[in-house]
Amino acid sequence: MISLLFLLPLYSIWVQHERGGFWRHLWLVALVAGPADILLNYTELALLTGDFPKKGEYTFSKRLSRLSKEAGLRGDVCYFISKVLNRIAPSGIHIK
């Protein structure tokens, strides 16, 4: 659960980047957010979802788009998370 507490505030910074907001003042945070997303994707989020990232799925968002199409409870949970992220994203399309 550390990953969710850590990544959600960083995701709001990315939303500001897409909107052209105060992003330019927080570029140092982005230098931490990118590697943290990659690290958590291969460790805690891999254990949480019960699935290890495949080739090319460096961030959790890329893996989430694949997992949300699976059948079962894991697919349902990942589909819900992807819908929440799509509503937060200014473009409306965060997870395809």
C-alpha atoms as a PDB file:
ATOM      1  CA  MET A   1       0.000   0.000   0.000  1.00  0.00           C
ATOM      2  CA  ILE A   2       3.013   2.276   0.221  1.00  0.00           C
ATOM      3  CA  SER A   3       2.965   2.530  -3.541  1.00  0.00           C
ATOM      4  CA  LEU A   4      -0.565   3.936  -3.654  1.00  0.00           C
ATOM      5  CA  LEU A   5       0.212   6.499  -0.964  1.00  0.00           C
ATOM      6  CA  PHE A   6       3.351   7.506  -2.828  1.00  0.00           C
ATOM      7  CA  LEU A   7       2.113   7.479  -6.421  1.00  0.00           C
ATOM      8  CA  LEU A   8      -1.233   9.250  -6.039  1.00  0.00           C
ATOM      9  CA  PRO A   9       0.272  12.639  -5.101  1.00  0.00           C
ATOM     10  CA  LEU A  10       2.841  12.260  -7.858  1.00  0.00           C
ATOM     11  CA  TYR A  11       0.066  11.497 -10.322  1.00  0.00           C
ATOM     12  CA  SER A  12      -1.587  14.808  -9.464  1.00  0.00           C
ATOM     13  CA  ILE A  13       1.660  16.518 -10.455  1.00  0.00           C
ATOM     14  CA  TRP A  14       1.544  14.762 -13.822  1.00  0.00           C
ATOM     15  CA  VAL A  15      -2.024  16.004 -14.288  1.00  0.00           C
ATOM     16  CA  GLN A  16      -0.748  19.531 -13.718  1.00  0.00           C
ATOM     17  CA  HIS A  17       1.898  18.885 -16.357  1.00  0.00           C
ATOM     18  CA  GLU A  18      -0.778  17.885 -18.887  1.00  0.00           C
ATOM     19  CA  ARG A  19      -2.787  20.981 -18.046  1.00  0.00           C
ATOM     20  CA  GLY A  20       0.262  23.237 -18.251  1.00  0.00           C
ATOM     21  CA  GLY A  21       0.022  24.171 -14.583  1.00  0.00           C
ATOM     22  CA  PHE A  22       2.692  24.592 -11.963  1.00  0.00           C
ATOM     23  CA  TRP A  23       4.696  21.675 -13.407  1.00  0.00           C
ATOM     24  CA  ARG A  24       7.752  23.721 -14.291  1.00  0.00           C
ATOM     25  CA  HIS A  25       8.257  24.480 -10.609  1.00  0.00           C
ATOM     26  CA  LEU A  26       8.215  20.812  -9.602  1.00  0.00           C
ATOM     27  CA  TRP A  27      10.555  19.214 -12.119  1.00  0.00           C
ATOM     28  CA  LEU A  28      12.717  17.803  -9.330  1.00  0.00           C
ATOM     29  CA  VAL A  29       9.723  15.822  -8.075  1.00  0.00           C
ATOM     30  CA  ALA A  30       9.367  14.319 -11.548  1.00  0.00           C
ATOM     31  CA  LEU A  31      12.937  13.082 -11.369  1.00  0.00           C
ATOM     32  CA  VAL A  32      11.913  11.094  -8.295  1.00  0.00           C
ATOM     33  CA  ALA A  33       8.451  10.080  -9.533  1.00  0.00           C
ATOM     34  CA  GLY A  34       9.598   8.324 -12.708  1.00  0.00           C
ATOM     35  CA  PRO A  35      12.123   5.965 -11.125  1.00  0.00           C
ATOM     36  CA  ALA A  36       9.788   5.400  -8.164  1.00  0.00           C
ATOM     37  CA  ASP A  37       6.990   4.312 -10.512  1.00  0.00           C
ATOM     38  CA  ILE A  38       9.334   1.892 -12.257  1.00  0.00           C
ATOM     39  CA  LEU A  39      10.720   0.516  -8.979  1.00  0.00           C
ATOM     40  CA  LEU A  40       7.289   0.031  -7.413  1.00  0.00           C
ATOM     41  CA  ASN A  41       5.991  -1.568 -10.616  1.00  0.00           C
ATOM     42  CA  TYR A  42       8.589  -4.319 -10.360  1.00  0.00           C
ATOM     43  CA  THR A  43       8.311  -4.822  -6.591  1.00  0.00           C
ATOM     44  CA  GLU A  44       5.243  -3.983  -4.517  1.00  0.00           C
ATOM     45  CA  LEU A  45       2.730  -3.573  -7.347  1.00  0.00           C
ATOM     46  CA  ALA A  46       3.880  -6.871  -8.861  1.00  0.00           C
ATOM     47  CA  LEU A  47       3.094  -8.590  -5.560  1.00  0.00           C
ATOM     48  CA  LEU A  48      -0.176  -6.689  -5.130  1.00  0.00           C
ATOM     49  CA  THR A  49      -1.515  -7.674  -8.560  1.00  0.00           C
ATOM     50  CA  GLY A  50       0.059 -11.126  -8.589  1.00  0.00           C
ATOM     51  CA  ASP A  51       1.554 -10.467 -12.019  1.00  0.00           C
ATOM     52  CA  PHE A  52       5.094  -9.565 -13.047  1.00  0.00           C
ATOM     53  CA  PRO A  53       5.529  -6.923 -15.786  1.00  0.00           C
ATOM     54  CA  LYS A  54       6.142  -8.193 -19.286  1.00  0.00           C
ATOM     55  CA  LYS A  55       8.682  -6.761 -21.727  1.00  0.00           C
ATOM     56  CA  GLY A  56       8.057  -3.066 -22.346  1.00  0.00           C
ATOM     57  CA  GLU A  57       5.755  -2.572 -19.345  1.00  0.00           C
ATOM     58  CA  TYR A  58       8.027  -0.308 -17.345  1.00  0.00           C
ATOM     59  CA  THR A  59       5.328   1.732 -15.620  1.00  0.00           C
ATOM     60  CA  PHE A  60       2.253   0.533 -13.774  1.00  0.00           C
ATOM     61  CA  SER A  61      -0.038   2.300 -16.240  1.00  0.00           C
ATOM     62  CA  LYS A  62       1.232   0.205 -19.147  1.00  0.00           C
ATOM     63  CA  ARG A  63       0.741  -3.010 -17.208  1.00  0.00           C
ATOM     64  CA  LEU A  64      -2.640  -1.883 -15.927  1.00  0.00           C
ATOM     65  CA  SER A  65      -4.010  -1.548 -19.462  1.00  0.00           C
ATOM     66  CA  ARG A  66      -3.194  -5.229 -20.085  1.00  0.00           C
ATOM     67  CA  LEU A  67      -4.449  -6.458 -16.720  1.00  0.00           C
ATOM     68  CA  SER A  68      -7.769  -4.601 -16.999  1.00  0.00           C
ATOM     69  CA  LYS A  69      -8.702  -6.826 -19.976  1.00  0.00           C
ATOM     70  CA  GLU A  70      -8.296 -10.070 -18.008  1.00  0.00           C
ATOM     71  CA  ALA A  71     -11.249 -12.037 -16.673  1.00  0.00           C
ATOM     72  CA  GLY A  72     -11.728 -12.544 -12.958  1.00  0.00           C
ATOM     73  CA  LEU A  73     -11.278 -10.497  -9.828  1.00  0.00           C
ATOM     74  CA  ARG A  74      -7.838  -9.145 -10.767  1.00  0.00           C
ATOM     75  CA  GLY A  75      -9.170  -7.906 -14.100  1.00  0.00           C
ATOM     76  CA  ASP A  76     -12.171  -6.275 -12.428  1.00  0.00           C
ATOM     77  CA  VAL A  77     -10.013  -4.461  -9.867  1.00  0.00           C
ATOM     78  CA  CYS A  78      -7.555  -3.290 -12.523  1.00  0.00           C
ATOM     79  CA  TYR A  79     -10.433  -2.147 -14.750  1.00  0.00           C
ATOM     80  CA  PHE A  80     -11.815  -0.084 -11.863  1.00  0.00           C
ATOM     81  CA  ILE A  81      -8.396   1.502 -11.199  1.00  0.00           C
ATOM     82  CA  SER A  82      -7.992   2.327 -14.897  1.00  0.00           C
ATOM     83  CA  LYS A  83     -11.431   3.995 -14.999  1.00  0.00           C
ATOM     84  CA  VAL A  84     -10.522   6.123 -11.962  1.00  0.00           C
ATOM     85  CA  LEU A  85      -7.256   7.200 -13.600  1.00  0.00           C
ATOM     86  CA  ASN A  86      -9.073   8.018 -16.849  1.00  0.00           C
ATOM     87  CA  ARG A  87     -11.474  10.305 -15.000  1.00  0.00           C
ATOM     88  CA  ILE A  88      -8.623  12.146 -13.301  1.00  0.00           C
ATOM     89  CA  ALA A  89      -6.560  12.598 -16.487  1.00  0.00           C
ATOM     90  CA  PRO A  90      -7.294  15.883 -18.264  1.00  0.00           C
ATOM     91  CA  SER A  91      -7.221  14.210 -21.693  1.00  0.00           C
ATOM     92  CA  GLY A  92      -9.650  11.561 -20.452  1.00  0.00           C
ATOM     93  CA  ILE A  93      -7.404   8.783 -21.738  1.00  0.00           C
ATOM     94  CA  HIS A  94      -4.766   7.613 -19.308  1.00  0.00           C
ATOM     95  CA  ILE A  95      -5.256   3.874 -19.678  1.00  0.00           C
ATOM     96  CA  LYS A  96      -6.171   2.493 -23.095  1.00  0.00           C
END
